[in-house]
Every structure is written in C-alpha cells, then in structure tokens.
Amino acid sequence: MYSPVVQWSTVRILFLISQLKGYKSRQADYVQTFPQAPLEDEEVFMEIPAGFYHKGSDSTKDYVLRLKRTLYGLKQASFDWSELLKAGLLKQRFKQSQIDPCLIFKNNILCVEYADDTIFFAPDDSIINKEISSLKLNGFDLTNEGEVKFFLGIKFTDSENGDINMSKPALIDSIINLIGLKDDSKKHKTPASHPPL
C-alpha cells in the first residue's frame, strides 16, 4: 500500500516562507505512531512473543494474537497511520495539498508530515500549541518538540543574521569514515596544507 512521502522541495519552500513571513516553526512527534492506527480492513494474526503465556497452558505454540492496531513491520502500517493522521487533520478543517499530500494547511498555519514527524509553521507559537492540543483532544498521542533541530536527517540551525542553515552532519561523517579520512583529517587544518603530490 502506498503511503505518501514528503517532497524535500516542499520542506525547503516552507522554511523559506517562514523566513519571509516571520513564521515560527515547531516540530511535533507522535508517540508510538503505528499502534495508534486501528487495523480495520483485514485480520492479521501474529505468534505470541517469547515470555508471554496463556493461562492454563505450558505452550504458546497453540495460540496466536489477533492484532487490533497496526505494528511496526506490517506492510500496511505506514499507510494506515497516514490515513488516520490525514482524517484527524481534515477533521480540524485542514486541507491537503494536491501537489504534495504531506503538506496540509488551513488559514495561517502550515503543516508538513513525514511518518511520525510533523513540522508546523504559523505566525506565533500559540496557534501551533492550540493545534497540537486539539490533536491531543482528538485522540492523538504527540509531543511538542519545540524548535526544529533535525528533520529527515537534516540539521537546522539559526544563524546570527536570522538565516536558517541546513546541513547533514551524519552523512558527512559517514562519508569521511567510509573513505578513511577520519584520522587523517585531524592532522591538517586545510587540504591546501598538504605537500604537493
């Protein structure tokens, strides 16, 4: 089953809009994301996990569990979660973008979602806090993570002049380790200080 994935260009454009309009950006994280979504369209069974037992039986091999909610690892888990979140946001009068289904908006608040991470953009924090509280009242378990620091492996930092800097430190570090420069990189301040080949 298809679950939408946010386009990176959408994220960049939203940060640009937030800079131009002076919007605040806040990140929310859904707790135990997939188990929040009910499993309604089909019956799914699983073996009883090790350590659990059925009263009156020495063996769990004769029993299975029927899932009522999605779990991580199920093919349809991300789709079911996405549909549940979309329904919850539409119930709060958000509209879904026709260009990027992970962009949801209403009045003066924009929201981009990717699996269990959501970034809200609004003129001030009170609007974002109100929407997060409303989602909680509608049964979603989520936390307000504050200012956006990391999203989809990208690190966001504010500069002194008000710009937002984006970097991928984990990717840069993994490339440095992969090509074996980690130890050598500490010996020279710049590549220009190397002797000619």
C-alpha atoms as a PDB file:
ATOM      1  CA  MET A   1       0.000   0.000   0.000  1.00  0.00           C
ATOM      2  CA  TYR A   2       1.143   3.481  -0.829  1.00  0.00           C
ATOM      3  CA  SER A   3       1.977   5.938   1.911  1.00  0.00           C
ATOM      4  CA  PRO A   4       2.921   9.452   0.808  1.00  0.00           C
ATOM      5  CA  VAL A   5       6.430  10.768   1.410  1.00  0.00           C
ATOM      6  CA  VAL A   6       7.065  14.491   1.714  1.00  0.00           C
ATOM      7  CA  GLN A   7       8.935  16.119  -1.142  1.00  0.00           C
ATOM      8  CA  TRP A   8      12.128  17.747   0.076  1.00  0.00           C
ATOM      9  CA  SER A   9      11.367  20.801  -2.075  1.00  0.00           C
ATOM     10  CA  THR A  10       8.168  21.283  -0.017  1.00  0.00           C
ATOM     11  CA  VAL A  11      10.158  21.362   3.232  1.00  0.00           C
ATOM     12  CA  ARG A  12      12.625  23.892   1.804  1.00  0.00           C
ATOM     13  CA  ILE A  13       9.842  26.107   0.455  1.00  0.00           C
ATOM     14  CA  LEU A  14       8.037  26.067   3.810  1.00  0.00           C
ATOM     15  CA  PHE A  15      11.189  27.177   5.612  1.00  0.00           C
ATOM     16  CA  LEU A  16      11.635  29.927   3.010  1.00  0.00           C
ATOM     17  CA  ILE A  17       8.031  31.077   3.521  1.00  0.00           C
ATOM     18  CA  SER A  18       8.513  31.005   7.299  1.00  0.00           C
ATOM     19  CA  GLN A  19      11.577  33.252   6.946  1.00  0.00           C
ATOM     20  CA  LEU A  20       9.833  35.695   4.608  1.00  0.00           C
ATOM     21  CA  LYS A  21       6.643  35.920   6.693  1.00  0.00           C
ATOM     22  CA  GLY A  22       8.317  35.697  10.106  1.00  0.00           C
ATOM     23  CA  TYR A  23       6.515  32.441  10.964  1.00  0.00           C
ATOM     24  CA  LYS A  24       7.535  30.219  13.859  1.00  0.00           C
ATOM     25  CA  SER A  25       8.299  26.565  13.170  1.00  0.00           C
ATOM     26  CA  ARG A  26       7.731  23.823  15.721  1.00  0.00           C
ATOM     27  CA  GLN A  27       8.213  20.107  15.466  1.00  0.00           C
ATOM     28  CA  ALA A  28       5.799  17.542  16.886  1.00  0.00           C
ATOM     29  CA  ASP A  29       6.499  13.859  17.347  1.00  0.00           C
ATOM     30  CA  TYR A  30       3.782  11.213  17.541  1.00  0.00           C
ATOM     31  CA  VAL A  31       4.375   8.671  20.313  1.00  0.00           C
ATOM     32  CA  GLN A  32       4.089   5.002  19.308  1.00  0.00           C
ATOM     33  CA  THR A  33       2.959   6.106  15.871  1.00  0.00           C
ATOM     34  CA  PHE A  34       1.788   2.964  14.117  1.00  0.00           C
ATOM     35  CA  PRO A  35      -0.058   1.390  17.091  1.00  0.00           C
ATOM     36  CA  GLN A  36      -2.283   4.487  17.178  1.00  0.00           C
ATOM     37  CA  ALA A  37      -3.844   3.407  13.871  1.00  0.00           C
ATOM     38  CA  PRO A  38      -6.598   0.775  14.039  1.00  0.00           C
ATOM     39  CA  LEU A  39      -6.302  -2.300  11.825  1.00  0.00           C
ATOM     40  CA  GLU A  40      -9.761  -2.445  10.261  1.00  0.00           C
ATOM     41  CA  ASP A  41      -9.555  -3.664   6.671  1.00  0.00           C
ATOM     42  CA  GLU A  42      -8.177  -7.133   7.323  1.00  0.00           C
ATOM     43  CA  GLU A  43      -7.464  -9.660  10.020  1.00  0.00           C
ATOM     44  CA  VAL A  44      -3.802 -10.008  10.956  1.00  0.00           C
ATOM     45  CA  PHE A  45      -2.506 -12.606  13.387  1.00  0.00           C
ATOM     46  CA  MET A  46       0.891 -12.990  14.998  1.00  0.00           C
ATOM     47  CA  GLU A  47       2.665 -15.539  17.122  1.00  0.00           C
ATOM     48  CA  ILE A  48       2.702 -14.881  20.853  1.00  0.00           C
ATOM     49  CA  PRO A  49       6.010 -13.164  21.714  1.00  0.00           C
ATOM     50  CA  ALA A  50       8.550 -15.014  23.842  1.00  0.00           C
ATOM     51  CA  GLY A  51       7.969 -14.504  27.549  1.00  0.00           C
ATOM     52  CA  PHE A  52       4.184 -14.407  27.299  1.00  0.00           C
ATOM     53  CA  TYR A  53       1.992 -17.399  28.004  1.00  0.00           C
ATOM     54  CA  HIS A  54      -1.650 -18.360  28.066  1.00  0.00           C
ATOM     55  CA  LYS A  55      -3.052 -19.273  31.488  1.00  0.00           C
ATOM     56  CA  GLY A  56      -3.526 -22.994  31.858  1.00  0.00           C
ATOM     57  CA  SER A  57      -1.105 -23.883  29.071  1.00  0.00           C
ATOM     58  CA  ASP A  58       2.593 -24.663  29.092  1.00  0.00           C
ATOM     59  CA  SER A  59       2.995 -23.813  25.429  1.00  0.00           C
ATOM     60  CA  THR A  60       2.230 -20.686  23.417  1.00  0.00           C
ATOM     61  CA  LYS A  61       2.549 -22.566  20.117  1.00  0.00           C
ATOM     62  CA  ASP A  62      -1.166 -23.391  20.128  1.00  0.00           C
ATOM     63  CA  TYR A  63      -2.198 -19.740  20.341  1.00  0.00           C
ATOM     64  CA  VAL A  64      -1.923 -16.610  18.203  1.00  0.00           C
ATOM     65  CA  LEU A  65      -2.828 -12.993  18.773  1.00  0.00           C
ATOM     66  CA  ARG A  66      -5.227 -11.057  16.558  1.00  0.00           C
ATOM     67  CA  LEU A  67      -3.995  -7.503  16.085  1.00  0.00           C
ATOM     68  CA  LYS A  68      -6.443  -4.655  16.586  1.00  0.00           C
ATOM     69  CA  ARG A  69      -3.876  -1.980  15.767  1.00  0.00           C
ATOM     70  CA  THR A  70      -1.019  -1.745  13.308  1.00  0.00           C
ATOM     71  CA  LEU A  71       2.521  -2.552  14.364  1.00  0.00           C
ATOM     72  CA  TYR A  72       5.906  -1.549  13.019  1.00  0.00           C
ATOM     73  CA  GLY A  73       6.874  -4.003  10.303  1.00  0.00           C
ATOM     74  CA  LEU A  74       3.405  -4.552   8.832  1.00  0.00           C
ATOM     75  CA  LYS A  75       3.208  -3.678   5.155  1.00  0.00           C
ATOM     76  CA  GLN A  76       0.151  -1.506   5.641  1.00  0.00           C
ATOM     77  CA  ALA A  77       1.264   0.187   8.889  1.00  0.00           C
ATOM     78  CA  SER A  78       2.534   3.446   7.373  1.00  0.00           C
ATOM     79  CA  PHE A  79      -0.485   3.683   5.052  1.00  0.00           C
ATOM     80  CA  ASP A  80      -2.956   3.121   7.910  1.00  0.00           C
ATOM     81  CA  TRP A  81      -1.145   5.703  10.056  1.00  0.00           C
ATOM     82  CA  SER A  82      -1.089   8.227   7.234  1.00  0.00           C
ATOM     83  CA  GLU A  83      -4.825   7.779   6.647  1.00  0.00           C
ATOM     84  CA  LEU A  84      -5.580   8.160  10.374  1.00  0.00           C
ATOM     85  CA  LEU A  85      -3.492  11.337  10.641  1.00  0.00           C
ATOM     86  CA  LYS A  86      -4.993  12.788   7.459  1.00  0.00           C
ATOM     87  CA  ALA A  87      -8.523  12.116   8.771  1.00  0.00           C
ATOM     88  CA  GLY A  88      -7.648  13.742  12.106  1.00  0.00           C
ATOM     89  CA  LEU A  89      -6.229  16.849  10.446  1.00  0.00           C
ATOM     90  CA  LEU A  90      -9.127  17.110   7.986  1.00  0.00           C
ATOM     91  CA  LYS A  91     -11.495  16.882  10.969  1.00  0.00           C
ATOM     92  CA  GLN A  92      -9.742  20.012  12.292  1.00  0.00           C
ATOM     93  CA  ARG A  93     -10.520  21.724   8.957  1.00  0.00           C
ATOM     94  CA  PHE A  94      -7.071  21.377   7.451  1.00  0.00           C
ATOM     95  CA  LYS A  95      -6.866  20.899   3.681  1.00  0.00           C
ATOM     96  CA  GLN A  96      -4.453  18.593   1.907  1.00  0.00           C
ATOM     97  CA  SER A  97      -2.298  19.954  -0.907  1.00  0.00           C
ATOM     98  CA  GLN A  98      -2.985  18.481  -4.331  1.00  0.00           C
ATOM     99  CA  ILE A  99       0.704  18.794  -5.237  1.00  0.00           C
ATOM    100  CA  ASP A 100       2.253  17.248  -2.122  1.00  0.00           C
ATOM    101  CA  PRO A 101      -0.093  15.112   0.012  1.00  0.00           C
ATOM    102  CA  CYS A 102       2.209  15.579   3.028  1.00  0.00           C
ATOM    103  CA  LEU A 103       1.538  19.339   3.019  1.00  0.00           C
ATOM    104  CA  ILE A 104      -1.587  20.191   4.997  1.00  0.00           C
ATOM    105  CA  PHE A 105      -2.772  23.733   5.712  1.00  0.00           C
ATOM    106  CA  LYS A 106      -5.552  25.986   6.950  1.00  0.00           C
ATOM    107  CA  ASN A 107      -5.886  29.743   7.420  1.00  0.00           C
ATOM    108  CA  ASN A 108      -2.493  30.871   8.743  1.00  0.00           C
ATOM    109  CA  ILE A 109      -0.963  27.517   9.696  1.00  0.00           C
ATOM    110  CA  LEU A 110       1.015  25.158   7.501  1.00  0.00           C
ATOM    111  CA  CYS A 111       1.998  21.627   8.391  1.00  0.00           C
ATOM    112  CA  VAL A 112       4.265  19.096   6.724  1.00  0.00           C
ATOM    113  CA  GLU A 113       4.245  15.493   7.898  1.00  0.00           C
ATOM    114  CA  TYR A 114       6.521  12.545   7.371  1.00  0.00           C
ATOM    115  CA  ALA A 115       5.535   9.340   9.180  1.00  0.00           C
ATOM    116  CA  ASP A 116       5.691  10.256  12.881  1.00  0.00           C
ATOM    117  CA  ASP A 117       7.300  13.686  12.493  1.00  0.00           C
ATOM    118  CA  THR A 118       5.364  16.856  11.767  1.00  0.00           C
ATOM    119  CA  ILE A 119       6.512  20.443  11.423  1.00  0.00           C
ATOM    120  CA  PHE A 120       4.000  23.229  11.997  1.00  0.00           C
ATOM    121  CA  PHE A 121       4.517  26.771  10.654  1.00  0.00           C
ATOM    122  CA  ALA A 122       2.421  29.684  11.976  1.00  0.00           C
ATOM    123  CA  PRO A 123       2.733  33.381  12.829  1.00  0.00           C
ATOM    124  CA  ASP A 124       3.134  32.591  16.531  1.00  0.00           C
ATOM    125  CA  ASP A 125       3.521  29.704  18.956  1.00  0.00           C
ATOM    126  CA  SER A 126       0.023  29.997  20.425  1.00  0.00           C
ATOM    127  CA  ILE A 127      -1.548  28.931  17.113  1.00  0.00           C
ATOM    128  CA  ILE A 128       0.718  25.876  16.906  1.00  0.00           C
ATOM    129  CA  ASN A 129       0.138  24.980  20.569  1.00  0.00           C
ATOM    130  CA  LYS A 130      -3.627  25.220  20.027  1.00  0.00           C
ATOM    131  CA  GLU A 131      -3.480  22.805  17.072  1.00  0.00           C
ATOM    132  CA  ILE A 132      -1.291  20.330  18.969  1.00  0.00           C
ATOM    133  CA  SER A 133      -3.685  20.480  21.942  1.00  0.00           C
ATOM    134  CA  SER A 134      -6.618  19.942  19.603  1.00  0.00           C
ATOM    135  CA  LEU A 135      -4.928  16.885  18.074  1.00  0.00           C
ATOM    136  CA  LYS A 136      -4.381  15.511  21.584  1.00  0.00           C
ATOM    137  CA  LEU A 137      -8.070  16.052  22.392  1.00  0.00           C
ATOM    138  CA  ASN A 138      -8.942  14.117  19.229  1.00  0.00           C
ATOM    139  CA  GLY A 139      -7.026  11.078  20.497  1.00  0.00           C
ATOM    140  CA  PHE A 140      -3.547  11.555  19.058  1.00  0.00           C
ATOM    141  CA  ASP A 141      -0.604  10.955  21.369  1.00  0.00           C
ATOM    142  CA  LEU A 142       2.045  13.516  20.407  1.00  0.00           C
ATOM    143  CA  THR A 143       4.609  15.771  21.996  1.00  0.00           C
ATOM    144  CA  ASN A 144       5.651  19.305  21.107  1.00  0.00           C
ATOM    145  CA  GLU A 145       9.395  19.038  20.450  1.00  0.00           C
ATOM    146  CA  GLY A 146       9.919  22.798  20.193  1.00  0.00           C
ATOM    147  CA  GLU A 147      12.079  24.422  17.537  1.00  0.00           C
ATOM    148  CA  VAL A 148      13.056  22.243  14.603  1.00  0.00           C
ATOM    149  CA  LYS A 149      16.556  20.857  15.161  1.00  0.00           C
ATOM    150  CA  PHE A 150      16.555  17.688  12.996  1.00  0.00           C
ATOM    151  CA  PHE A 151      14.120  16.573  10.295  1.00  0.00           C
ATOM    152  CA  LEU A 152      14.713  13.723   7.841  1.00  0.00           C
ATOM    153  CA  GLY A 153      18.417  13.618   8.696  1.00  0.00           C
ATOM    154  CA  ILE A 154      18.883  17.343   8.144  1.00  0.00           C
ATOM    155  CA  LYS A 155      20.192  19.538  10.963  1.00  0.00           C
ATOM    156  CA  PHE A 156      18.651  23.016  11.209  1.00  0.00           C
ATOM    157  CA  THR A 157      20.469  25.858  12.961  1.00  0.00           C
ATOM    158  CA  ASP A 158      19.679  29.552  13.174  1.00  0.00           C
ATOM    159  CA  SER A 159      22.482  31.926  12.300  1.00  0.00           C
ATOM    160  CA  GLU A 160      23.100  35.285  13.961  1.00  0.00           C
ATOM    161  CA  ASN A 161      21.739  37.183  10.949  1.00  0.00           C
ATOM    162  CA  GLY A 162      18.413  35.265  11.085  1.00  0.00           C
ATOM    163  CA  ASP A 163      19.115  32.778   8.317  1.00  0.00           C
ATOM    164  CA  ILE A 164      18.379  29.088   8.694  1.00  0.00           C
ATOM    165  CA  ASN A 165      21.302  26.799   7.934  1.00  0.00           C
ATOM    166  CA  MET A 166      20.708  23.216   6.830  1.00  0.00           C
ATOM    167  CA  SER A 167      23.396  20.542   6.975  1.00  0.00           C
ATOM    168  CA  LYS A 168      23.737  16.765   7.003  1.00  0.00           C
ATOM    169  CA  PRO A 169      26.425  16.088   9.626  1.00  0.00           C
ATOM    170  CA  ALA A 170      25.635  12.366   9.894  1.00  0.00           C
ATOM    171  CA  LEU A 171      26.040  11.913   6.124  1.00  0.00           C
ATOM    172  CA  ILE A 172      29.261  13.946   6.072  1.00  0.00           C
ATOM    173  CA  ASP A 173      30.693  11.918   8.978  1.00  0.00           C
ATOM    174  CA  SER A 174      29.760   8.608   7.339  1.00  0.00           C
ATOM    175  CA  ILE A 175      31.449   9.649   4.063  1.00  0.00           C
ATOM    176  CA  ILE A 176      34.586  10.729   5.952  1.00  0.00           C
ATOM    177  CA  ASN A 177      34.646   7.345   7.731  1.00  0.00           C
ATOM    178  CA  LEU A 178      33.912   5.443   4.506  1.00  0.00           C
ATOM    179  CA  ILE A 179      36.846   6.922   2.602  1.00  0.00           C
ATOM    180  CA  GLY A 180      39.165   6.674   5.594  1.00  0.00           C
ATOM    181  CA  LEU A 181      39.800  10.364   6.267  1.00  0.00           C
ATOM    182  CA  LYS A 182      38.681  10.421   9.892  1.00  0.00           C
ATOM    183  CA  ASP A 183      42.153  10.015  11.414  1.00  0.00           C
ATOM    184  CA  ASP A 184      43.975  11.925   8.663  1.00  0.00           C
ATOM    185  CA  SER A 185      41.560  14.890   8.795  1.00  0.00           C
ATOM    186  CA  LYS A 186      42.837  15.933  12.225  1.00  0.00           C
ATOM    187  CA  LYS A 187      46.445  16.289  11.066  1.00  0.00           C
ATOM    188  CA  HIS A 188      45.868  19.178   8.654  1.00  0.00           C
ATOM    189  CA  LYS A 189      43.824  22.341   9.061  1.00  0.00           C
ATOM    190  CA  THR A 190      43.028  22.599   5.333  1.00  0.00           C
ATOM    191  CA  PRO A 191      43.622  20.402   2.297  1.00  0.00           C
ATOM    192  CA  ALA A 192      45.946  23.143   0.964  1.00  0.00           C
ATOM    193  CA  SER A 193      48.441  22.429   3.751  1.00  0.00           C
ATOM    194  CA  HIS A 194      49.301  19.055   2.201  1.00  0.00           C
ATOM    195  CA  PRO A 195      52.609  18.847   0.337  1.00  0.00           C
ATOM    196  CA  PRO A 196      52.258  18.620  -3.459  1.00  0.00           C
ATOM    197  CA  LEU A 197      51.930  15.119  -4.908  1.00  0.00           C
END
